[in-house]
Amino acid sequence: MDHSFILYLLAILYLLAILYLLAILLVLTGVAGIVLPALPGVPLVFAGLLLAAWADGFVHVGWPTLLALGLLTVLSLLVDVLSTVVGAQRVGASRKALWGTFIGSIADLFFMPVGLLAGPLLGALAGKYWHTRQLGRSAKVGLATWLGILLGVALKLALAVAMLGLFAFAWFF
């Protein structure tokens, strides 16, 4: 057998291994990004699954499955936006409270891990207090915003698990 052919096959195997490792890295980074607001969580999970399907030549996971995964990704983006806003608005959050939540979410990156939990809560509280000067009402808005964020994280984690399950089902069955 020609040695160049064997080297060619080894090169293909190494390339596939690199592609699958990159896909796994994207999925793991995406799962981390569901909790960390600086990373686009579920879209990274989708990118990793798409890369794995592409590396396989779409033999195990076809376009119908990828379309379903894409729709779940879009749903996760809607959940991300709506969970915070709905949670805050249900208790009468002002525009300033929503801006405070946004600023608190960004600021929390510099004060990990405490900031991850406290940033949005304190940001919404500060924004509402700036608007109304009522600490009790502001605390209620801050807590509701924080609970909305936690609900959003839980829903996005559930969507990511569903995506991984759908991908695994398509791959093995």
N, C-alpha and C. Protein backbone atom coordinates (compact mmCIF):
# COMPACT_ATOMS: atom_id res chain seq x y z
N MET A 1 0.84 -1.17 0.00
CA MET A 1 0.00 0.00 0.00
C MET A 1 0.90 1.24 0.00
N ASP A 2 0.49 2.23 -0.71
CA ASP A 2 1.25 3.47 -0.85
C ASP A 2 1.21 4.26 0.47
N HIS A 3 2.38 4.68 0.94
CA HIS A 3 2.47 5.42 2.20
C HIS A 3 1.80 6.79 2.12
N SER A 4 1.79 7.38 0.95
CA SER A 4 1.15 8.70 0.83
C SER A 4 -0.36 8.59 1.06
N PHE A 5 -0.95 7.48 0.66
CA PHE A 5 -2.38 7.28 0.90
C PHE A 5 -2.66 7.16 2.39
N ILE A 6 -1.80 6.43 3.10
CA ILE A 6 -1.97 6.28 4.55
C ILE A 6 -1.81 7.64 5.24
N LEU A 7 -0.84 8.42 4.80
CA LEU A 7 -0.65 9.76 5.37
C LEU A 7 -1.87 10.64 5.09
N TYR A 8 -2.43 10.50 3.91
CA TYR A 8 -3.63 11.25 3.55
C TYR A 8 -4.79 10.88 4.47
N LEU A 9 -4.98 9.59 4.72
CA LEU A 9 -6.04 9.14 5.62
C LEU A 9 -5.81 9.64 7.05
N LEU A 10 -4.56 9.60 7.49
CA LEU A 10 -4.25 10.10 8.83
C LEU A 10 -4.53 11.60 8.94
N ALA A 11 -4.22 12.34 7.89
CA ALA A 11 -4.48 13.78 7.88
C ALA A 11 -5.98 14.05 7.98
N ILE A 12 -6.77 13.26 7.27
CA ILE A 12 -8.23 13.42 7.34
C ILE A 12 -8.73 13.09 8.75
N LEU A 13 -8.21 12.03 9.34
CA LEU A 13 -8.63 11.66 10.69
C LEU A 13 -8.25 12.75 11.70
N TYR A 14 -7.05 13.31 11.57
CA TYR A 14 -6.65 14.40 12.47
C TYR A 14 -7.55 15.61 12.28
N LEU A 15 -7.87 15.93 11.05
CA LEU A 15 -8.75 17.07 10.79
C LEU A 15 -10.13 16.84 11.39
N LEU A 16 -10.66 15.64 11.23
CA LEU A 16 -11.96 15.33 11.83
C LEU A 16 -11.90 15.42 13.36
N ALA A 17 -10.81 14.93 13.94
CA ALA A 17 -10.67 15.01 15.39
C ALA A 17 -10.64 16.46 15.85
N ILE A 18 -9.94 17.31 15.12
CA ILE A 18 -9.88 18.74 15.45
C ILE A 18 -11.26 19.37 15.33
N LEU A 19 -11.98 19.03 14.26
CA LEU A 19 -13.32 19.59 14.07
C LEU A 19 -14.28 19.16 15.19
N TYR A 20 -14.23 17.89 15.57
CA TYR A 20 -15.10 17.42 16.64
C TYR A 20 -14.72 18.03 17.99
N LEU A 21 -13.41 18.19 18.24
CA LEU A 21 -12.99 18.85 19.48
C LEU A 21 -13.43 20.31 19.51
N LEU A 22 -13.34 20.98 18.37
CA LEU A 22 -13.81 22.36 18.28
C LEU A 22 -15.32 22.43 18.51
N ALA A 23 -16.05 21.47 17.96
CA ALA A 23 -17.50 21.42 18.16
C ALA A 23 -17.83 21.23 19.64
N ILE A 24 -17.12 20.34 20.30
CA ILE A 24 -17.33 20.11 21.74
C ILE A 24 -17.00 21.37 22.53
N LEU A 25 -15.91 22.04 22.16
CA LEU A 25 -15.52 23.28 22.83
C LEU A 25 -16.59 24.36 22.66
N LEU A 26 -17.15 24.46 21.47
CA LEU A 26 -18.23 25.42 21.23
C LEU A 26 -19.46 25.11 22.09
N VAL A 27 -19.82 23.84 22.16
CA VAL A 27 -20.98 23.45 22.97
C VAL A 27 -20.74 23.75 24.45
N LEU A 28 -19.56 23.39 24.95
CA LEU A 28 -19.27 23.65 26.36
C LEU A 28 -19.20 25.15 26.66
N THR A 29 -18.62 25.91 25.76
CA THR A 29 -18.58 27.37 25.92
C THR A 29 -20.00 27.93 25.88
N GLY A 30 -20.82 27.38 25.01
CA GLY A 30 -22.21 27.81 24.94
C GLY A 30 -22.98 27.54 26.21
N VAL A 31 -22.76 26.37 26.79
CA VAL A 31 -23.44 26.05 28.06
C VAL A 31 -22.97 27.01 29.15
N ALA A 32 -21.68 27.32 29.17
CA ALA A 32 -21.18 28.32 30.13
C ALA A 32 -21.80 29.69 29.85
N GLY A 33 -21.99 29.99 28.57
CA GLY A 33 -22.55 31.27 28.17
C GLY A 33 -24.01 31.44 28.54
N ILE A 34 -24.68 30.36 28.84
CA ILE A 34 -26.08 30.47 29.29
C ILE A 34 -26.11 31.16 30.65
N VAL A 35 -25.10 30.91 31.46
CA VAL A 35 -25.03 31.50 32.78
C VAL A 35 -24.28 32.83 32.76
N LEU A 36 -23.24 32.93 31.94
CA LEU A 36 -22.43 34.15 31.86
C LEU A 36 -22.99 35.06 30.77
N PRO A 37 -23.41 36.26 31.13
CA PRO A 37 -24.08 37.11 30.15
C PRO A 37 -23.18 37.62 29.02
N ALA A 38 -21.87 37.49 29.14
CA ALA A 38 -20.98 38.01 28.09
C ALA A 38 -20.89 37.08 26.89
N LEU A 39 -21.35 35.86 27.03
CA LEU A 39 -21.24 34.88 25.94
C LEU A 39 -22.62 34.56 25.38
N PRO A 40 -22.70 34.40 24.06
CA PRO A 40 -23.99 34.04 23.45
C PRO A 40 -24.26 32.55 23.62
N GLY A 41 -24.77 32.14 24.75
CA GLY A 41 -24.92 30.74 25.15
C GLY A 41 -25.47 29.78 24.12
N VAL A 42 -26.77 29.78 23.93
CA VAL A 42 -27.41 28.79 23.07
C VAL A 42 -26.95 28.92 21.61
N PRO A 43 -26.73 30.11 21.08
CA PRO A 43 -26.18 30.17 19.71
C PRO A 43 -24.83 29.47 19.57
N LEU A 44 -24.00 29.50 20.61
CA LEU A 44 -22.73 28.77 20.55
C LEU A 44 -22.97 27.26 20.60
N VAL A 45 -23.95 26.83 21.38
CA VAL A 45 -24.31 25.41 21.39
C VAL A 45 -24.73 24.99 19.98
N PHE A 46 -25.58 25.80 19.35
CA PHE A 46 -26.03 25.50 17.99
C PHE A 46 -24.84 25.47 17.02
N ALA A 47 -23.92 26.42 17.15
CA ALA A 47 -22.75 26.45 16.27
C ALA A 47 -21.92 25.17 16.42
N GLY A 48 -21.76 24.71 17.66
CA GLY A 48 -21.02 23.47 17.88
C GLY A 48 -21.70 22.26 17.28
N LEU A 49 -23.02 22.19 17.43
CA LEU A 49 -23.76 21.07 16.86
C LEU A 49 -23.76 21.11 15.33
N LEU A 50 -23.87 22.30 14.78
CA LEU A 50 -23.80 22.46 13.33
C LEU A 50 -22.42 22.04 12.81
N LEU A 51 -21.37 22.43 13.51
CA LEU A 51 -20.02 22.04 13.10
C LEU A 51 -19.84 20.52 13.15
N ALA A 52 -20.36 19.89 14.19
CA ALA A 52 -20.26 18.42 14.30
C ALA A 52 -21.02 17.75 13.16
N ALA A 53 -22.20 18.27 12.83
CA ALA A 53 -22.97 17.69 11.72
C ALA A 53 -22.24 17.89 10.40
N TRP A 54 -21.65 19.07 10.21
CA TRP A 54 -20.91 19.36 8.98
C TRP A 54 -19.68 18.46 8.86
N ALA A 55 -18.96 18.26 9.99
CA ALA A 55 -17.77 17.42 9.98
C ALA A 55 -18.12 15.99 9.57
N ASP A 56 -19.33 15.58 9.89
CA ASP A 56 -19.81 14.24 9.55
C ASP A 56 -20.39 14.19 8.14
N GLY A 57 -20.42 15.32 7.46
CA GLY A 57 -21.01 15.35 6.13
C GLY A 57 -22.53 15.26 6.16
N PHE A 58 -23.13 15.61 7.29
CA PHE A 58 -24.58 15.58 7.49
C PHE A 58 -25.15 14.17 7.29
N VAL A 59 -24.32 13.16 7.55
CA VAL A 59 -24.76 11.78 7.40
C VAL A 59 -25.70 11.39 8.55
N HIS A 60 -25.30 11.70 9.77
CA HIS A 60 -26.11 11.31 10.92
C HIS A 60 -27.16 12.35 11.29
N VAL A 61 -26.83 13.61 11.12
CA VAL A 61 -27.73 14.70 11.49
C VAL A 61 -28.00 15.51 10.23
N GLY A 62 -29.25 15.48 9.78
CA GLY A 62 -29.61 16.15 8.53
C GLY A 62 -30.23 17.51 8.75
N TRP A 63 -30.65 18.09 7.65
CA TRP A 63 -31.21 19.44 7.67
C TRP A 63 -32.50 19.57 8.47
N PRO A 64 -33.40 18.59 8.47
CA PRO A 64 -34.59 18.76 9.31
C PRO A 64 -34.25 18.91 10.80
N THR A 65 -33.29 18.12 11.27
CA THR A 65 -32.86 18.23 12.66
C THR A 65 -32.19 19.58 12.90
N LEU A 66 -31.34 20.00 11.97
CA LEU A 66 -30.66 21.28 12.12
C LEU A 66 -31.65 22.45 12.10
N LEU A 67 -32.69 22.33 11.31
CA LEU A 67 -33.72 23.37 11.29
C LEU A 67 -34.42 23.44 12.65
N ALA A 68 -34.74 22.28 13.21
CA ALA A 68 -35.36 22.25 14.54
C ALA A 68 -34.42 22.84 15.59
N LEU A 69 -33.13 22.53 15.49
CA LEU A 69 -32.15 23.10 16.42
C LEU A 69 -32.06 24.62 16.26
N GLY A 70 -32.13 25.08 15.02
CA GLY A 70 -32.12 26.52 14.76
C GLY A 70 -33.33 27.21 15.35
N LEU A 71 -34.49 26.58 15.23
CA LEU A 71 -35.71 27.16 15.81
C LEU A 71 -35.63 27.21 17.34
N LEU A 72 -35.05 26.18 17.94
CA LEU A 72 -34.86 26.20 19.39
C LEU A 72 -33.88 27.31 19.80
N THR A 73 -32.89 27.56 18.95
CA THR A 73 -31.95 28.65 19.22
C THR A 73 -32.65 30.00 19.18
N VAL A 74 -33.49 30.21 18.18
CA VAL A 74 -34.25 31.46 18.09
C VAL A 74 -35.18 31.60 19.30
N LEU A 75 -35.80 30.51 19.69
CA LEU A 75 -36.66 30.52 20.88
C LEU A 75 -35.87 30.93 22.12
N SER A 76 -34.64 30.44 22.23
CA SER A 76 -33.81 30.81 23.39
C SER A 76 -33.49 32.30 23.41
N LEU A 77 -33.31 32.89 22.24
CA LEU A 77 -33.05 34.33 22.16
C LEU A 77 -34.27 35.12 22.62
N LEU A 78 -35.45 34.65 22.24
CA LEU A 78 -36.68 35.30 22.70
C LEU A 78 -36.85 35.16 24.21
N VAL A 79 -36.56 33.98 24.72
CA VAL A 79 -36.64 33.75 26.17
C VAL A 79 -35.68 34.69 26.90
N ASP A 80 -34.50 34.86 26.35
CA ASP A 80 -33.49 35.70 26.97
C ASP A 80 -33.99 37.13 27.14
N VAL A 81 -34.60 37.66 26.11
CA VAL A 81 -35.08 39.04 26.16
C VAL A 81 -36.34 39.15 27.01
N LEU A 82 -37.28 38.26 26.78
CA LEU A 82 -38.59 38.39 27.42
C LEU A 82 -38.58 38.06 28.91
N SER A 83 -37.75 37.13 29.34
CA SER A 83 -37.79 36.72 30.75
C SER A 83 -37.46 37.87 31.68
N THR A 84 -36.46 38.64 31.35
CA THR A 84 -36.09 39.77 32.20
C THR A 84 -37.13 40.87 32.14
N VAL A 85 -37.54 41.22 30.94
CA VAL A 85 -38.48 42.33 30.77
C VAL A 85 -39.83 42.00 31.40
N VAL A 86 -40.33 40.80 31.16
CA VAL A 86 -41.63 40.42 31.71
C VAL A 86 -41.56 40.37 33.24
N GLY A 87 -40.48 39.78 33.76
CA GLY A 87 -40.34 39.72 35.21
C GLY A 87 -40.31 41.10 35.84
N ALA A 88 -39.62 42.02 35.20
CA ALA A 88 -39.52 43.38 35.74
C ALA A 88 -40.82 44.16 35.55
N GLN A 89 -41.44 44.04 34.40
CA GLN A 89 -42.64 44.83 34.13
C GLN A 89 -43.85 44.35 34.91
N ARG A 90 -43.86 43.10 35.33
CA ARG A 90 -44.99 42.59 36.12
C ARG A 90 -45.12 43.31 37.45
N VAL A 91 -44.01 43.86 37.92
CA VAL A 91 -44.07 44.59 39.20
C VAL A 91 -43.88 46.09 38.99
N GLY A 92 -44.04 46.54 37.76
CA GLY A 92 -44.03 47.97 37.49
C GLY A 92 -42.66 48.59 37.33
N ALA A 93 -41.72 47.87 36.76
CA ALA A 93 -40.38 48.43 36.54
C ALA A 93 -40.43 49.56 35.53
N SER A 94 -39.68 50.58 35.82
CA SER A 94 -39.60 51.72 34.90
C SER A 94 -38.52 51.45 33.85
N ARG A 95 -38.44 52.33 32.89
CA ARG A 95 -37.40 52.23 31.88
C ARG A 95 -36.02 52.35 32.53
N LYS A 96 -35.93 53.19 33.54
CA LYS A 96 -34.66 53.36 34.25
C LYS A 96 -34.27 52.07 34.97
N ALA A 97 -35.24 51.35 35.50
CA ALA A 97 -34.95 50.08 36.16
C ALA A 97 -34.44 49.06 35.16
N LEU A 98 -35.03 49.04 33.96
CA LEU A 98 -34.55 48.11 32.93
C LEU A 98 -33.14 48.48 32.49
N TRP A 99 -32.86 49.76 32.36
CA TRP A 99 -31.49 50.19 32.04
C TRP A 99 -30.54 49.82 33.17
N GLY A 100 -31.00 49.96 34.40
CA GLY A 100 -30.18 49.57 35.54
C GLY A 100 -29.86 48.09 35.52
N THR A 101 -30.84 47.28 35.12
CA THR A 101 -30.61 45.84 34.99
C THR A 101 -29.54 45.56 33.95
N PHE A 102 -29.64 46.24 32.82
CA PHE A 102 -28.67 46.05 31.74
C PHE A 102 -27.27 46.45 32.21
N ILE A 103 -27.16 47.62 32.83
CA ILE A 103 -25.86 48.09 33.30
C ILE A 103 -25.32 47.17 34.40
N GLY A 104 -26.19 46.73 35.29
CA GLY A 104 -25.78 45.80 36.34
C GLY A 104 -25.30 44.47 35.78
N SER A 105 -25.93 44.01 34.71
CA SER A 105 -25.51 42.75 34.08
C SER A 105 -24.13 42.88 33.46
N ILE A 106 -23.83 44.05 32.91
CA ILE A 106 -22.50 44.27 32.34
C ILE A 106 -21.47 44.42 33.46
N ALA A 107 -21.81 45.19 34.48
CA ALA A 107 -20.88 45.42 35.59
C ALA A 107 -20.56 44.13 36.35
N ASP A 108 -21.50 43.20 36.36
CA ASP A 108 -21.27 41.97 37.12
C ASP A 108 -20.10 41.16 36.59
N LEU A 109 -19.73 41.35 35.34
CA LEU A 109 -18.60 40.62 34.77
C LEU A 109 -17.30 40.94 35.49
N PHE A 110 -17.21 42.12 36.07
CA PHE A 110 -15.99 42.53 36.74
C PHE A 110 -15.94 42.10 38.20
N PHE A 111 -17.03 41.57 38.70
CA PHE A 111 -17.11 41.19 40.10
C PHE A 111 -17.60 39.75 40.26
N MET A 112 -17.10 38.86 39.41
CA MET A 112 -17.52 37.47 39.45
C MET A 112 -17.05 36.83 40.75
N PRO A 113 -17.70 35.85 41.27
CA PRO A 113 -18.99 35.30 40.91
C PRO A 113 -20.16 36.02 41.59
N VAL A 114 -19.85 36.85 42.61
CA VAL A 114 -20.91 37.54 43.35
C VAL A 114 -21.69 38.47 42.42
N GLY A 115 -20.97 39.15 41.54
CA GLY A 115 -21.61 40.09 40.63
C GLY A 115 -22.61 39.44 39.70
N LEU A 116 -22.38 38.19 39.39
CA LEU A 116 -23.29 37.47 38.50
C LEU A 116 -24.70 37.43 39.07
N LEU A 117 -24.79 37.26 40.36
CA LEU A 117 -26.10 37.22 41.01
C LEU A 117 -26.57 38.61 41.44
N ALA A 118 -25.63 39.43 41.90
CA ALA A 118 -26.02 40.72 42.48
C ALA A 118 -26.16 41.83 41.44
N GLY A 119 -25.42 41.76 40.35
CA GLY A 119 -25.42 42.85 39.37
C GLY A 119 -26.79 43.24 38.84
N PRO A 120 -27.52 42.30 38.24
CA PRO A 120 -28.85 42.66 37.72
C PRO A 120 -29.82 43.09 38.82
N LEU A 121 -29.76 42.42 39.97
CA LEU A 121 -30.65 42.77 41.09
C LEU A 121 -30.38 44.20 41.56
N LEU A 122 -29.11 44.52 41.81
CA LEU A 122 -28.77 45.86 42.29
C LEU A 122 -28.97 46.91 41.20
N GLY A 123 -28.72 46.53 39.96
CA GLY A 123 -28.93 47.48 38.86
C GLY A 123 -30.40 47.87 38.72
N ALA A 124 -31.28 46.89 38.78
CA ALA A 124 -32.72 47.18 38.69
C ALA A 124 -33.19 47.97 39.90
N LEU A 125 -32.70 47.59 41.08
CA LEU A 125 -33.06 48.30 42.30
C LEU A 125 -32.62 49.76 42.20
N ALA A 126 -31.38 49.99 41.77
CA ALA A 126 -30.86 51.36 41.66
C ALA A 126 -31.64 52.16 40.62
N GLY A 127 -31.93 51.53 39.48
CA GLY A 127 -32.68 52.23 38.44
C GLY A 127 -34.07 52.62 38.89
N LYS A 128 -34.76 51.72 39.59
CA LYS A 128 -36.11 52.02 40.08
C LYS A 128 -36.06 53.06 41.20
N TYR A 129 -35.05 52.95 42.06
CA TYR A 129 -34.92 53.92 43.15
C TYR A 129 -34.63 55.31 42.58
N TRP A 130 -33.84 55.37 41.54
CA TRP A 130 -33.54 56.64 40.88
C TRP A 130 -34.84 57.25 40.34
N HIS A 131 -35.72 56.40 39.88
CA HIS A 131 -36.98 56.85 39.29
C HIS A 131 -38.01 57.25 40.35
N THR A 132 -38.14 56.46 41.43
CA THR A 132 -39.24 56.68 42.39
C THR A 132 -38.80 57.16 43.77
N ARG A 133 -37.56 56.91 44.16
CA ARG A 133 -37.06 57.22 45.50
C ARG A 133 -37.81 56.44 46.59
N GLN A 134 -38.33 55.27 46.23
CA GLN A 134 -39.02 54.39 47.18
C GLN A 134 -38.24 53.08 47.26
N LEU A 135 -37.55 52.87 48.37
CA LEU A 135 -36.67 51.72 48.51
C LEU A 135 -37.43 50.39 48.47
N GLY A 136 -38.57 50.31 49.16
CA GLY A 136 -39.34 49.05 49.18
C GLY A 136 -39.80 48.64 47.79
N ARG A 137 -40.35 49.58 47.06
CA ARG A 137 -40.81 49.30 45.70
C ARG A 137 -39.63 48.96 44.78
N SER A 138 -38.54 49.66 44.99
CA SER A 138 -37.34 49.42 44.18
C SER A 138 -36.79 48.02 44.43
N ALA A 139 -36.79 47.60 45.70
CA ALA A 139 -36.32 46.25 46.04
C ALA A 139 -37.21 45.19 45.40
N LYS A 140 -38.51 45.44 45.38
CA LYS A 140 -39.46 44.50 44.76
C LYS A 140 -39.16 44.36 43.27
N VAL A 141 -38.90 45.47 42.59
CA VAL A 141 -38.57 45.44 41.17
C VAL A 141 -37.25 44.72 40.95
N GLY A 142 -36.26 45.01 41.80
CA GLY A 142 -34.97 44.34 41.68
C GLY A 142 -35.09 42.84 41.82
N LEU A 143 -35.86 42.40 42.82
CA LEU A 143 -36.05 40.96 43.04
C LEU A 143 -36.80 40.32 41.88
N ALA A 144 -37.84 40.97 41.40
CA ALA A 144 -38.61 40.42 40.28
C ALA A 144 -37.76 40.32 39.02
N THR A 145 -36.92 41.32 38.80
CA THR A 145 -36.03 41.28 37.64
C THR A 145 -35.05 40.13 37.77
N TRP A 146 -34.49 39.97 38.96
CA TRP A 146 -33.54 38.90 39.21
C TRP A 146 -34.19 37.53 39.02
N LEU A 147 -35.41 37.38 39.53
CA LEU A 147 -36.13 36.11 39.34
C LEU A 147 -36.43 35.86 37.87
N GLY A 148 -36.74 36.92 37.12
CA GLY A 148 -36.95 36.78 35.68
C GLY A 148 -35.69 36.30 34.98
N ILE A 149 -34.55 36.83 35.39
CA ILE A 149 -33.28 36.39 34.80
C ILE A 149 -33.02 34.92 35.13
N LEU A 150 -33.25 34.54 36.40
CA LEU A 150 -33.04 33.13 36.78
C LEU A 150 -33.97 32.20 36.01
N LEU A 151 -35.22 32.61 35.83
CA LEU A 151 -36.16 31.81 35.05
C LEU A 151 -35.66 31.69 33.61
N GLY A 152 -35.16 32.79 33.06
CA GLY A 152 -34.62 32.76 31.70
C GLY A 152 -33.44 31.82 31.58
N VAL A 153 -32.54 31.84 32.56
CA VAL A 153 -31.39 30.94 32.55
C VAL A 153 -31.86 29.49 32.61
N ALA A 154 -32.83 29.20 33.47
CA ALA A 154 -33.35 27.83 33.58
C ALA A 154 -33.98 27.39 32.27
N LEU A 155 -34.75 28.27 31.64
CA LEU A 155 -35.38 27.91 30.36
C LEU A 155 -34.34 27.71 29.27
N LYS A 156 -33.31 28.55 29.24
CA LYS A 156 -32.26 28.39 28.22
C LYS A 156 -31.46 27.12 28.45
N LEU A 157 -31.21 26.77 29.71
CA LEU A 157 -30.55 25.49 29.99
C LEU A 157 -31.41 24.33 29.52
N ALA A 158 -32.71 24.41 29.77
CA ALA A 158 -33.62 23.36 29.31
C ALA A 158 -33.62 23.26 27.79
N LEU A 159 -33.60 24.40 27.11
CA LEU A 159 -33.55 24.38 25.64
C LEU A 159 -32.23 23.79 25.15
N ALA A 160 -31.13 24.11 25.81
CA ALA A 160 -29.83 23.55 25.41
C ALA A 160 -29.81 22.04 25.61
N VAL A 161 -30.37 21.57 26.71
CA VAL A 161 -30.44 20.12 26.95
C VAL A 161 -31.32 19.47 25.90
N ALA A 162 -32.44 20.10 25.55
CA ALA A 162 -33.31 19.57 24.50
C ALA A 162 -32.57 19.52 23.17
N MET A 163 -31.78 20.54 22.88
CA MET A 163 -31.02 20.55 21.63
C MET A 163 -30.00 19.41 21.60
N LEU A 164 -29.30 19.23 22.72
CA LEU A 164 -28.32 18.14 22.78
C LEU A 164 -29.00 16.78 22.67
N GLY A 165 -30.16 16.64 23.30
CA GLY A 165 -30.91 15.39 23.20
C GLY A 165 -31.39 15.12 21.79
N LEU A 166 -31.91 16.15 21.13
CA LEU A 166 -32.37 16.01 19.75
C LEU A 166 -31.21 15.64 18.83
N PHE A 167 -30.07 16.30 19.02
CA PHE A 167 -28.89 16.01 18.22
C PHE A 167 -28.43 14.56 18.44
N ALA A 168 -28.36 14.15 19.71
CA ALA A 168 -27.93 12.78 20.02
C ALA A 168 -28.90 11.76 19.45
N PHE A 169 -30.20 12.04 19.54
CA PHE A 169 -31.19 11.12 18.98
C PHE A 169 -31.00 10.99 17.47
N ALA A 170 -30.82 12.13 16.79
CA ALA A 170 -30.63 12.10 15.34
C ALA A 170 -29.33 11.38 14.98
N TRP A 171 -28.30 11.56 15.78
CA TRP A 171 -27.00 10.96 15.48
C TRP A 171 -27.04 9.44 15.63
N PHE A 172 -27.67 8.96 16.70
CA PHE A 172 -27.62 7.53 17.01
C PHE A 172 -28.80 6.72 16.47
N PHE A 173 -29.89 7.39 16.11
CA PHE A 173 -31.06 6.65 15.64
C PHE A 173 -31.41 7.15 14.28
